[in-house]
């Protein structure tokens, strides 16, 4: 192929045709052509030469040039692409280091091998441009629903034609035992779009909770318009799901709007999800109330919420227990996901037995530590006292209101409680010291002697050791593994340590050790408050 004899306008027409077919910019195709012609020229003139090609965007004329840079005498390495200042004087009036000398060279005849190489360069550049275009097109569509056509199935994974690219629906993202044949229509949620060397990877899902949210948004105009909000979704894909909704307009029933006339709206979603049963639940800011709604259709007798532990106890009648738990624990598991709480369900009989057991345990504690008879100890428990600290440090008035307790008796009770607690604290400190705990940890504000002993048993013996701890290591927390919530026990969790308190204490220790600048903490806190305020403004809170 001789570039000199080629139809130059045909070059431009070819570039436009390829660009139109691949839906990319014609300029990218011409740049690929320029690069391929430059490679062919280098194979003719020598690979050490810096040969460049420029194609005129209007006429299609290709200009071949040789570029040489002016360098210091001692820096000259490649005489084919570099010149010294002295050498450059024969071509340039006043050459300086860093200048470039450009001269036009004759076009080259492209042999069969060179032409094949040029074709490969053009195809490679076109593919790269096509991948970039696909990524740009789909990156902003993550989090939306897309319709596609099944191309093939590989090892349980479905390859979907989504128009300008291909998406992959992995086996674990399919609902139940779904199977598809080529050319089947399919609707999926775009879970993620990643740029990878082999091209953009579009990951699809039909099991994601967000897929259900987007389906409801398509079927319920009030959700699309923002009148009704979806606050939480929990799914057991293909079997059952719970979705919590709230209305911003008091005149619109959020549950009724999502159900639709004769269930038409929710039925459309159910059909798309292979018959997945959906419970639509009114969302409520009050967590116990919301939980009662989430456990529908079971009836709840009583709810006890422990906000610090993120745990909730639900009491149901005996005949409602199996309904509340659901088949294989499905109902309570979905309610737990929906409310983000650890739910403990018990019958009224079990709750009564547990309360009786706690009553007896507290009675025994007071009898043993305060040297009281059973009747007096039961009086204390009945009045709401649960531990020795409450007895030792409450106002005397709270003790003297108990029948038969005068001021002298109350003072004696408090003295006994304080003596016992002090002896227990001394024993804990002695045990901690024996384990190697240092004064820097023992004297740290906020840690009780019992806490210090527990830390020392876990090989945390200095303030430096304490400062390296994560808040969840101290207070405990939850992690998710394949959708299942797993409890991580904290060293100080038995003492009622919260995550917030643990974080504060660890940061205080780091400041004391000079690891963290207090000013940085104030700045970070201000930034966090600003972000929170901005978020509230955007959501209209």
Protein backbone atom coordinates (compact mmCIF):
# COMPACT_ATOMS: atom_id res chain seq x y z
CA UNK A 1 0.00 0.00 0.00
CA UNK A 2 1.53 3.33 -1.04
CA UNK A 3 0.30 6.26 1.03
CA UNK A 4 1.21 8.57 -1.83
CA UNK A 5 -1.17 6.92 -4.21
CA UNK A 6 -4.02 6.37 -1.77
CA UNK A 7 -7.19 8.29 -2.12
CA UNK A 8 -6.69 10.80 0.67
CA UNK A 9 -10.39 11.64 1.07
CA UNK A 10 -11.13 7.92 1.31
CA UNK A 11 -8.92 7.87 4.42
CA UNK A 12 -11.20 10.36 6.13
CA UNK A 13 -14.33 8.54 4.97
CA UNK A 14 -12.99 5.28 6.40
CA UNK A 15 -12.26 6.96 9.73
CA UNK A 16 -15.79 8.40 9.88
CA UNK A 17 -17.35 5.05 8.99
CA UNK A 18 -15.42 3.22 11.72
CA UNK A 19 -16.23 5.96 14.25
CA UNK A 20 -19.92 5.81 13.37
CA UNK A 21 -20.01 2.02 13.66
CA UNK A 22 -18.24 1.96 17.02
CA UNK A 23 -19.93 5.17 18.26
CA UNK A 24 -16.66 6.93 19.05
CA UNK A 25 -15.08 10.22 17.98
CA UNK A 26 -13.66 10.24 14.38
CA UNK A 27 -10.60 12.05 15.76
CA UNK A 28 -9.68 8.98 17.82
CA UNK A 29 -9.68 6.80 14.68
CA UNK A 30 -7.51 9.31 12.80
CA UNK A 31 -5.07 9.42 15.75
CA UNK A 32 -4.86 5.62 15.56
CA UNK A 33 -4.13 5.88 11.84
CA UNK A 34 -1.40 8.45 12.49
CA UNK A 35 0.21 6.14 15.06
CA UNK A 36 0.06 3.14 12.71
CA UNK A 37 1.63 5.13 9.82
CA UNK A 38 4.36 6.39 12.17
CA UNK A 39 5.17 2.80 13.15
CA UNK A 40 5.40 1.79 9.50
CA UNK A 41 7.71 4.73 8.81
CA UNK A 42 9.97 3.79 11.72
CA UNK A 43 10.33 0.28 10.35
CA UNK A 44 11.45 1.87 7.04
CA UNK A 45 13.70 4.68 8.34
CA UNK A 46 14.89 3.05 11.57
CA UNK A 47 13.31 2.52 14.99
CA UNK A 48 15.70 5.00 16.65
CA UNK A 49 14.27 7.89 14.66
CA UNK A 50 11.42 9.96 16.08
CA UNK A 51 9.05 9.84 13.09
CA UNK A 52 5.64 11.45 13.45
CA UNK A 53 2.67 11.53 11.09
CA UNK A 54 -0.05 14.14 10.88
CA UNK A 55 -3.21 13.65 8.83
CA UNK A 56 -5.02 16.80 7.74
CA UNK A 57 -8.60 16.58 9.07
CA UNK A 58 -9.97 18.34 5.95
CA UNK A 59 -7.98 17.00 3.02
CA UNK A 60 -6.79 13.67 4.38
CA UNK A 61 -3.19 14.44 3.36
CA UNK A 62 -0.61 12.61 5.52
CA UNK A 63 2.57 14.51 6.41
CA UNK A 64 5.62 12.56 7.63
CA UNK A 65 8.12 14.46 9.81
CA UNK A 66 11.34 13.66 11.62
CA UNK A 67 11.81 15.33 14.99
CA UNK A 68 15.21 15.87 16.64
CA UNK A 69 15.82 17.49 20.06
CA UNK A 70 18.74 19.79 20.93
CA UNK A 71 20.73 18.47 23.93
CA UNK A 72 24.03 19.12 25.73
CA UNK A 73 27.13 17.59 24.15
CA UNK A 74 27.64 15.12 27.02
CA UNK A 75 23.93 14.18 27.02
CA UNK A 76 23.88 13.04 23.39
CA UNK A 77 22.85 9.38 23.33
CA UNK A 78 20.80 8.86 20.16
CA UNK A 79 22.20 10.76 17.19
CA UNK A 80 19.11 9.80 15.12
CA UNK A 81 16.69 11.76 17.34
CA UNK A 82 19.05 14.22 19.08
CA UNK A 83 21.39 17.05 18.07
CA UNK A 84 24.08 18.96 19.89
CA UNK A 85 23.91 22.74 19.84
CA UNK A 86 26.84 22.84 17.36
CA UNK A 87 25.17 20.35 15.01
CA UNK A 88 21.88 22.24 15.14
CA UNK A 89 23.49 25.47 13.95
CA UNK A 90 23.53 24.21 10.36
CA UNK A 91 19.73 23.92 10.46
CA UNK A 92 18.67 26.61 12.96
CA UNK A 93 19.66 30.27 13.46
CA UNK A 94 20.08 30.34 17.25
CA UNK A 95 19.62 26.82 18.69
CA UNK A 96 19.28 26.27 22.46
CA UNK A 97 19.11 23.13 24.57
CA UNK A 98 15.51 21.95 24.61
CA UNK A 99 14.65 23.22 21.10
CA UNK A 100 13.39 20.77 18.50
CA UNK A 101 14.19 20.61 14.81
CA UNK A 102 11.40 19.28 12.60
CA UNK A 103 11.92 18.31 8.97
CA UNK A 104 9.54 16.69 6.53
CA UNK A 105 10.55 13.29 5.13
CA UNK A 106 9.23 11.43 2.09
CA UNK A 107 6.15 9.21 2.64
CA UNK A 108 6.83 5.50 2.84
CA UNK A 109 5.60 2.55 0.86
CA UNK A 110 3.75 0.19 3.25
CA UNK A 111 4.52 -3.45 2.69
CA UNK A 112 2.22 -6.34 3.60
CA UNK A 113 3.67 -6.79 7.11
CA UNK A 114 3.64 -3.05 7.82
CA UNK A 115 0.05 -2.79 6.62
CA UNK A 116 -0.98 -5.68 8.88
CA UNK A 117 0.78 -4.05 11.84
CA UNK A 118 -0.95 -0.74 11.08
CA UNK A 119 -4.31 -2.49 11.01
CA UNK A 120 -3.64 -4.05 14.43
CA UNK A 121 -2.74 -0.64 15.90
CA UNK A 122 -5.91 0.90 14.55
CA UNK A 123 -8.08 -1.95 15.87
CA UNK A 124 -6.41 -1.78 19.29
CA UNK A 125 -6.91 1.97 19.61
CA UNK A 126 -10.53 1.66 18.45
CA UNK A 127 -11.17 -1.07 21.03
CA UNK A 128 -9.67 1.08 23.79
CA UNK A 129 -11.80 4.05 22.74
CA UNK A 130 -14.87 1.83 22.64
CA UNK A 131 -14.15 0.55 26.16
CA UNK A 132 -13.71 4.09 27.47
CA UNK A 133 -16.99 5.10 25.88
CA UNK A 134 -18.78 2.13 27.42
CA UNK A 135 -17.37 2.90 30.86
CA UNK A 136 -18.36 6.59 30.62
CA UNK A 137 -21.85 5.56 29.52
CA UNK A 138 -22.46 3.06 32.31
CA UNK A 139 -20.52 4.47 35.28
CA UNK A 140 -23.32 6.94 36.10
CA UNK A 141 -26.00 4.29 35.65
CA UNK A 142 -24.86 2.23 38.65
CA UNK A 143 -27.78 2.04 41.06
CA UNK A 144 -30.43 1.91 38.34
CA UNK A 145 -32.42 -0.80 36.58
CA UNK A 146 -31.56 -1.87 33.04
CA UNK A 147 -33.30 -4.11 30.52
CA UNK A 148 -31.18 -6.55 28.56
CA UNK A 149 -31.16 -9.70 26.48
CA UNK A 150 -29.55 -12.95 27.62
CA UNK A 151 -26.60 -13.86 25.35
CA UNK A 152 -25.37 -17.03 27.04
CA UNK A 153 -24.88 -18.78 30.38
CA UNK A 154 -21.43 -19.74 31.63
CA UNK A 155 -21.01 -21.89 34.76
CA UNK A 156 -24.22 -20.51 36.21
CA UNK A 157 -23.34 -16.89 35.42
CA UNK A 158 -25.55 -15.13 32.87
CA UNK A 159 -23.97 -12.84 30.25
CA UNK A 160 -26.45 -10.08 29.37
CA UNK A 161 -26.43 -7.80 26.32
CA UNK A 162 -27.25 -4.35 27.71
CA UNK A 163 -27.02 -2.45 24.44
CA UNK A 164 -23.64 -0.80 24.21
CA UNK A 165 -21.92 -3.46 26.28
CA UNK A 166 -22.22 -6.71 28.20
CA UNK A 167 -23.14 -7.23 31.83
CA UNK A 168 -22.64 -10.25 34.06
CA UNK A 169 -25.30 -11.63 36.39
CA UNK A 170 -23.44 -13.92 38.76
CA UNK A 171 -24.95 -17.13 40.07
CA UNK A 172 -25.37 -15.72 43.60
CA UNK A 173 -27.13 -12.63 42.23
CA UNK A 174 -29.93 -14.64 40.63
CA UNK A 175 -33.23 -15.26 42.39
CA UNK A 176 -33.60 -18.83 43.59
CA UNK A 177 -33.20 -21.35 40.80
CA UNK A 178 -33.74 -18.92 37.93
CA UNK A 179 -32.54 -20.19 34.56
CA UNK A 180 -32.40 -18.30 31.29
CA UNK A 181 -32.06 -19.18 27.64
CA UNK A 182 -30.41 -17.09 24.92
CA UNK A 183 -32.54 -14.16 23.70
CA UNK A 184 -34.68 -14.12 26.89
CA UNK A 185 -35.54 -10.60 28.05
CA UNK A 186 -34.21 -9.82 31.53
CA UNK A 187 -34.42 -6.89 33.93
CA UNK A 188 -31.54 -6.32 36.38
CA UNK A 189 -30.11 -3.81 38.83
CA UNK A 190 -26.70 -2.34 37.94
CA UNK A 191 -24.81 -3.05 41.15
CA UNK A 192 -21.35 -1.88 40.12
CA UNK A 193 -19.36 -0.70 37.09
CA UNK A 194 -15.59 -1.13 37.18
CA UNK A 195 -12.88 -0.09 34.74
CA UNK A 196 -10.65 -3.09 34.07
CA UNK A 197 -7.88 -3.82 31.49
CA UNK A 198 -10.14 -6.10 29.47
CA UNK A 199 -12.85 -3.44 29.38
CA UNK A 200 -15.56 -2.12 31.69
CA UNK A 201 -17.16 -4.80 33.85
CA UNK A 202 -20.87 -4.26 34.49
CA UNK A 203 -22.05 -6.30 37.48
CA UNK A 204 -25.79 -6.97 37.60
CA UNK A 205 -28.02 -8.21 40.41
CA UNK A 206 -31.58 -9.38 40.95
CA UNK A 207 -31.15 -10.19 44.66
CA UNK A 208 -30.00 -6.74 45.90
CA UNK A 209 -32.49 -4.94 48.18
CA UNK A 210 -32.00 -1.88 45.98
CA UNK A 211 -33.47 -3.81 43.03
CA UNK A 212 -36.78 -4.01 44.89
CA UNK A 213 -36.58 -0.31 45.81
CA UNK A 214 -36.07 0.64 42.16
CA UNK A 215 -38.94 -1.61 41.03
CA UNK A 216 -41.30 0.10 43.48
CA UNK A 217 -40.04 3.47 42.25
CA UNK A 218 -41.04 2.45 38.72
CA UNK A 219 -44.47 1.16 39.75
CA UNK A 220 -45.44 3.77 42.37
CA UNK A 221 -45.47 7.39 41.08
CA UNK A 222 -45.57 8.74 44.64
CA UNK A 223 -42.18 7.13 45.37
CA UNK A 224 -40.72 8.46 42.12
CA UNK A 225 -41.98 11.95 43.00
CA UNK A 226 -40.56 11.77 46.54
CA UNK A 227 -43.94 11.94 48.28
CA UNK A 228 -43.34 8.46 49.71
CA UNK A 229 -39.89 7.37 50.89
CA UNK A 230 -38.51 3.85 51.13
CA UNK A 231 -36.65 3.82 54.45
CA UNK A 232 -35.45 0.20 54.58
CA UNK A 233 -35.62 -3.05 52.63
CA UNK A 234 -34.85 -6.60 53.76
CA UNK A 235 -35.01 -9.55 51.38
CA UNK A 236 -34.81 -13.30 51.32
CA UNK A 237 -34.59 -13.35 47.50
CA UNK A 238 -37.30 -15.36 45.78
CA UNK A 239 -39.08 -16.16 49.05
CA UNK A 240 -40.06 -13.15 51.14
CA UNK A 241 -39.23 -9.51 51.69
CA UNK A 242 -40.12 -6.60 53.95
CA UNK A 243 -40.09 -2.97 52.84
CA UNK A 244 -40.59 0.00 55.18
CA UNK A 245 -42.18 3.15 53.76
CA UNK A 246 -43.21 6.56 55.06
CA UNK A 247 -45.28 9.34 53.53
CA UNK A 248 -44.28 13.01 53.52
CA UNK A 249 -47.92 13.91 52.86
CA UNK A 250 -50.30 13.17 55.72
CA UNK A 251 -53.20 12.68 53.30
CA UNK A 252 -51.49 9.78 51.48
CA UNK A 253 -51.35 6.31 52.99
CA UNK A 254 -47.86 4.97 52.12
CA UNK A 255 -48.83 1.30 52.43
CA UNK A 256 -52.01 1.71 50.36
CA UNK A 257 -50.18 3.64 47.65
CA UNK A 258 -47.56 0.89 47.34
CA UNK A 259 -50.20 -1.87 47.26
CA UNK A 260 -52.25 -0.09 44.59
CA UNK A 261 -55.79 -0.70 43.40
CA UNK A 262 -56.59 -4.35 44.12
CA UNK A 263 -52.88 -4.94 44.70
CA UNK A 264 -51.92 -4.07 41.11
CA UNK A 265 -48.73 -2.16 41.98
CA UNK A 266 -47.24 -4.62 44.43
CA UNK A 267 -48.30 -7.54 42.23
CA UNK A 268 -46.24 -6.13 39.35
CA UNK A 269 -43.18 -6.18 41.60
CA UNK A 270 -44.00 -9.67 42.91
CA UNK A 271 -44.26 -11.01 39.34
CA UNK A 272 -40.86 -9.56 38.43
CA UNK A 273 -39.33 -11.17 41.54
CA UNK A 274 -40.59 -14.67 40.76
CA UNK A 275 -43.45 -14.60 43.26
CA UNK A 276 -41.47 -13.19 46.20
CA UNK A 277 -43.97 -12.34 48.97
CA UNK A 278 -43.66 -8.73 50.07
CA UNK A 279 -44.72 -7.24 53.43
CA UNK A 280 -45.17 -3.46 53.14
CA UNK A 281 -44.65 -1.90 56.55
CA UNK A 282 -45.24 1.69 57.79
CA UNK A 283 -41.94 3.11 59.03
CA UNK A 284 -41.84 4.77 62.46
CA UNK A 285 -39.08 6.76 64.18
CA UNK A 286 -39.91 4.99 67.45
CA UNK A 287 -37.90 1.76 67.19
CA UNK A 288 -40.16 -0.43 69.36
CA UNK A 289 -43.21 0.67 67.36
CA UNK A 290 -41.37 0.07 64.10
CA UNK A 291 -40.34 -3.39 65.29
CA UNK A 292 -43.91 -4.30 66.17
CA UNK A 293 -44.86 -3.34 62.61
CA UNK A 294 -41.88 -5.25 61.17
CA UNK A 295 -42.88 -8.50 62.90
CA UNK A 296 -46.29 -8.52 61.24
CA UNK A 297 -48.38 -10.61 60.92
CA UNK A 298 -47.41 -11.75 64.44
CA UNK A 299 -48.91 -9.90 67.43
CA UNK A 300 -46.49 -8.52 70.05
CA UNK A 301 -47.29 -8.20 73.76
CA UNK A 302 -44.29 -6.17 74.91
CA UNK A 303 -41.02 -4.71 73.62
CA UNK A 304 -37.92 -3.96 75.74
CA UNK A 305 -35.23 -1.91 73.95
CA UNK A 306 -31.57 -1.77 74.99
CA UNK A 307 -30.28 1.12 72.84
CA UNK A 308 -26.65 0.90 74.00
CA UNK A 309 -26.36 -2.78 73.17
CA UNK A 310 -28.43 -2.40 69.99
CA UNK A 311 -30.56 -5.27 71.25
CA UNK A 312 -34.29 -5.62 71.62
CA UNK A 313 -36.43 -8.16 73.47
CA UNK A 314 -39.86 -8.99 72.10
CA UNK A 315 -42.48 -10.79 74.15
CA UNK A 316 -45.27 -12.59 72.28
CA UNK A 317 -48.13 -14.88 73.35
CA UNK A 318 -47.31 -18.60 73.18
CA UNK A 319 -49.60 -19.16 70.18
CA UNK A 320 -47.87 -16.32 68.25
CA UNK A 321 -44.29 -17.57 68.73
CA UNK A 322 -44.02 -19.69 65.59
CA UNK A 323 -45.63 -16.93 63.51
CA UNK A 324 -43.22 -14.29 64.89
CA UNK A 325 -40.18 -16.46 64.22
CA UNK A 326 -41.40 -17.64 60.83
CA UNK A 327 -40.35 -20.67 58.83
CA UNK A 328 -36.65 -21.31 59.50
CA UNK A 329 -36.50 -18.01 61.38
CA UNK A 330 -37.29 -16.03 58.25
CA UNK A 331 -39.72 -13.50 59.75
CA UNK A 332 -37.53 -12.48 62.69
CA UNK A 333 -34.40 -12.48 60.50
CA UNK A 334 -35.98 -10.06 58.01
CA UNK A 335 -37.32 -7.88 60.83
CA UNK A 336 -33.80 -7.78 62.31
CA UNK A 337 -32.31 -6.69 58.97
CA UNK A 338 -35.03 -4.09 58.53
CA UNK A 339 -34.54 -2.51 61.97
CA UNK A 340 -30.76 -3.15 62.26
CA UNK A 341 -31.37 -4.56 65.75
CA UNK A 342 -30.55 -7.89 67.36
CA UNK A 343 -33.98 -9.31 68.22
CA UNK A 344 -34.58 -11.83 70.99
CA UNK A 345 -38.08 -13.32 70.89
CA UNK A 346 -39.62 -15.03 73.90
CA UNK A 347 -43.05 -16.08 75.07
CA UNK A 348 -44.88 -14.44 77.97
CA UNK A 349 -44.19 -17.54 80.07
CA UNK A 350 -40.47 -17.45 79.27
CA UNK A 351 -40.30 -13.75 80.05
CA UNK A 352 -42.06 -14.28 83.37
CA UNK A 353 -39.63 -17.07 84.26
CA UNK A 354 -36.65 -14.91 83.29
CA UNK A 355 -37.88 -12.01 85.39
CA UNK A 356 -38.38 -14.34 88.35
CA UNK A 357 -34.85 -15.69 87.88
CA UNK A 358 -33.42 -12.15 87.79
CA UNK A 359 -35.42 -11.25 90.90
CA UNK A 360 -34.01 -14.25 92.76
CA UNK A 361 -30.44 -13.52 91.60
CA UNK A 362 -30.61 -9.88 92.77
CA UNK A 363 -32.19 -10.92 96.04
CA UNK A 364 -29.36 -13.40 96.61
CA UNK A 365 -26.77 -10.71 95.75
CA UNK A 366 -28.12 -8.30 98.37
CA UNK A 367 -28.48 -11.05 100.97
CA UNK A 368 -24.88 -12.17 100.52
CA UNK A 369 -23.09 -8.82 100.16
CA UNK A 370 -25.15 -6.66 102.53
CA UNK A 371 -25.86 -9.40 105.13
CA UNK A 372 -29.66 -8.95 104.81
CA UNK A 373 -32.50 -11.38 105.39
CA UNK A 374 -34.52 -12.54 102.36
CA UNK A 375 -37.53 -10.27 103.03
CA UNK A 376 -35.41 -7.10 103.28
CA UNK A 377 -33.42 -8.04 100.16
CA UNK A 378 -36.67 -8.62 98.24
CA UNK A 379 -37.88 -5.17 99.31
CA UNK A 380 -34.80 -3.57 97.73
CA UNK A 381 -35.28 -5.50 94.47
CA UNK A 382 -38.99 -4.64 94.39
CA UNK A 383 -38.12 -0.95 94.68
CA UNK A 384 -36.02 -1.23 91.49
CA UNK A 385 -32.49 -1.59 92.90
CA UNK A 386 -30.46 -3.86 90.60
CA UNK A 387 -26.87 -3.61 91.85
CA UNK A 388 -24.70 -2.53 94.78
CA UNK A 389 -23.59 0.73 93.14
CA UNK A 390 -27.18 1.96 93.15
CA UNK A 391 -27.54 1.18 96.86
CA UNK A 392 -24.17 2.71 97.77
CA UNK A 393 -24.48 6.04 95.99
CA UNK A 394 -28.19 6.98 95.68
CA UNK A 395 -29.68 9.80 97.75
CA UNK A 396 -30.81 8.68 101.20
CA UNK A 397 -34.36 9.75 100.33
CA UNK A 398 -34.61 6.91 97.80
CA UNK A 399 -33.90 4.38 100.55
CA UNK A 400 -35.98 5.90 103.34
CA UNK A 401 -39.16 5.72 101.20
CA UNK A 402 -39.02 1.93 101.61
CA UNK A 403 -41.30 0.72 104.40
CA UNK A 404 -39.33 0.01 107.56
CA UNK A 405 -36.17 1.88 106.46
CA UNK A 406 -35.30 4.94 108.54
CA UNK A 407 -32.31 7.27 108.03
CA UNK A 408 -30.01 5.24 110.29
CA UNK A 409 -30.85 1.98 108.51
CA UNK A 410 -30.29 3.64 105.11
CA UNK A 411 -26.86 4.93 106.17
CA UNK A 412 -25.92 1.46 107.46
CA UNK A 413 -27.01 -0.10 104.13
CA UNK A 414 -24.89 2.37 102.17
CA UNK A 415 -21.87 1.86 104.44
CA UNK A 416 -22.03 -1.92 103.94
CA UNK A 417 -22.40 -1.53 100.16
CA UNK A 418 -19.44 0.90 99.93
CA UNK A 419 -17.22 -1.30 102.10
CA UNK A 420 -17.94 -4.29 99.88
CA UNK A 421 -17.32 -2.31 96.66
CA UNK A 422 -14.05 -0.86 97.99
CA UNK A 423 -12.81 -4.31 99.00
CA UNK A 424 -13.77 -5.66 95.58
CA UNK A 425 -12.00 -2.77 93.84
CA UNK A 426 -8.82 -3.31 95.90
CA UNK A 427 -8.83 -7.01 95.04
CA UNK A 428 -9.25 -6.18 91.34
CA UNK A 429 -6.33 -3.68 91.41
CA UNK A 430 -4.11 -6.20 93.22
CA UNK A 431 -4.98 -8.83 90.64
CA UNK A 432 -4.28 -6.37 87.77
CA UNK A 433 -0.89 -5.44 89.24
CA UNK A 434 -0.03 -9.11 89.64
CA UNK A 435 -0.76 -9.53 85.91
CA UNK A 436 1.62 -6.65 85.10
CA UNK A 437 -0.76 -3.67 84.76
CA UNK A 438 1.12 -0.36 85.08
CA UNK A 439 0.01 2.79 86.93
CA UNK A 440 -0.47 4.66 83.66
CA UNK A 441 -3.40 2.34 82.89
CA UNK A 442 -4.67 1.93 86.48
CA UNK A 443 -4.91 5.70 86.99
CA UNK A 444 -6.51 6.43 83.60
CA UNK A 445 -9.80 8.26 84.16
CA UNK A 446 -12.89 6.27 83.20
CA UNK A 447 -11.48 2.80 83.85
CA UNK A 448 -12.76 1.02 86.95
CA UNK A 449 -10.51 -1.47 88.80
CA UNK A 450 -12.53 -4.33 87.36
CA UNK A 451 -12.05 -2.93 83.85
CA UNK A 452 -8.30 -2.66 84.39
CA UNK A 453 -8.20 -6.29 85.57
CA UNK A 454 -10.14 -7.43 82.47
CA UNK A 455 -7.74 -5.47 80.22
CA UNK A 456 -4.69 -6.93 81.95
CA UNK A 457 -6.07 -10.45 81.46
CA UNK A 458 -6.23 -9.62 77.73
CA UNK A 459 -2.57 -8.51 77.75
CA UNK A 460 -3.41 -4.78 77.70
CA UNK A 461 -1.19 -3.54 80.54
CA UNK A 462 -0.08 -0.01 79.69
CA UNK A 463 -1.66 3.19 78.46
CA UNK A 464 0.18 2.64 75.15
CA UNK A 465 -1.46 -0.78 74.82
CA UNK A 466 -4.86 0.77 75.51
CA UNK A 467 -4.31 3.56 72.96
CA UNK A 468 -3.73 1.03 70.17
CA UNK A 469 -7.14 -0.63 70.73
CA UNK A 470 -10.04 -0.15 68.33
CA UNK A 471 -13.35 0.96 69.84
CA UNK A 472 -15.09 -2.30 68.82
CA UNK A 473 -12.35 -4.34 70.53
CA UNK A 474 -13.36 -2.70 73.80
CA UNK A 475 -17.13 -2.29 73.40
CA UNK A 476 -17.90 -5.13 70.99
CA UNK A 477 -19.79 -4.84 67.75
CA UNK A 478 -21.32 -6.61 64.80
CA UNK A 479 -19.85 -7.71 61.48
CA UNK A 480 -21.64 -9.08 58.42
CA UNK A 481 -20.59 -12.31 56.74
CA UNK A 482 -22.58 -13.28 53.65
CA UNK A 483 -25.56 -11.32 54.92
CA UNK A 484 -25.40 -12.90 58.40
CA UNK A 485 -24.70 -10.63 61.37
CA UNK A 486 -21.97 -12.01 63.67
CA UNK A 487 -21.33 -10.71 67.18
CA UNK A 488 -17.81 -9.62 68.19
CA UNK A 489 -17.42 -9.62 71.99
CA UNK A 490 -15.66 -6.59 73.51
CA UNK A 491 -13.21 -6.76 76.41
CA UNK A 492 -15.14 -4.11 78.38
CA UNK A 493 -18.59 -4.98 77.02
CA UNK A 494 -19.62 -6.80 80.25
CA UNK A 495 -19.17 -3.46 82.06
CA UNK A 496 -21.66 -1.64 79.80
CA UNK A 497 -19.02 0.12 77.69
CA UNK A 498 -20.59 1.76 74.59
CA UNK A 499 -18.82 2.27 71.26
CA UNK A 500 -18.99 6.05 71.66
CA UNK A 501 -17.45 5.93 75.16
CA UNK A 502 -14.74 3.51 73.96
CA UNK A 503 -13.86 5.79 71.06
CA UNK A 504 -13.66 8.83 73.36
CA UNK A 505 -11.43 7.05 75.89
CA UNK A 506 -9.04 5.69 73.22
CA UNK A 507 -8.68 9.14 71.61
CA UNK A 508 -8.08 10.70 75.06
CA UNK A 509 -5.28 8.17 75.68
CA UNK A 510 -3.72 9.00 72.29
CA UNK A 511 -3.80 12.72 73.08
CA UNK A 512 -2.19 12.10 76.50
CA UNK A 513 0.60 10.13 74.80
CA UNK A 514 1.14 12.87 72.22
CA UNK A 515 0.10 10.64 69.31
CA UNK A 516 -2.75 12.96 68.30
CA UNK A 517 -2.96 16.77 68.27
CA UNK A 518 -6.06 17.94 70.24
CA UNK A 519 -6.59 20.73 67.68
CA UNK A 520 -6.93 18.13 64.93
CA UNK A 521 -9.66 16.40 66.94
CA UNK A 522 -11.61 19.66 67.28
CA UNK A 523 -11.22 20.31 63.54
CA UNK A 524 -12.39 16.80 62.64
CA UNK A 525 -15.37 17.15 64.95
CA UNK A 526 -16.35 20.49 63.37
CA UNK A 527 -16.07 18.95 59.90
CA UNK A 528 -18.25 16.03 60.94
CA UNK A 529 -20.89 18.40 62.35
CA UNK A 530 -20.85 20.45 59.13
CA UNK A 531 -21.31 17.31 57.04
CA UNK A 532 -24.16 16.19 59.28
CA UNK A 533 -25.85 19.61 58.96
CA UNK A 534 -25.46 19.56 55.18
CA UNK A 535 -26.96 16.08 55.06
CA UNK A 536 -29.93 17.23 57.14
CA UNK A 537 -30.52 20.19 54.84
CA UNK A 538 -30.40 17.99 51.73
CA UNK A 539 -32.83 15.46 53.17
CA UNK A 540 -35.08 18.18 54.55
CA UNK A 541 -34.66 17.08 58.17
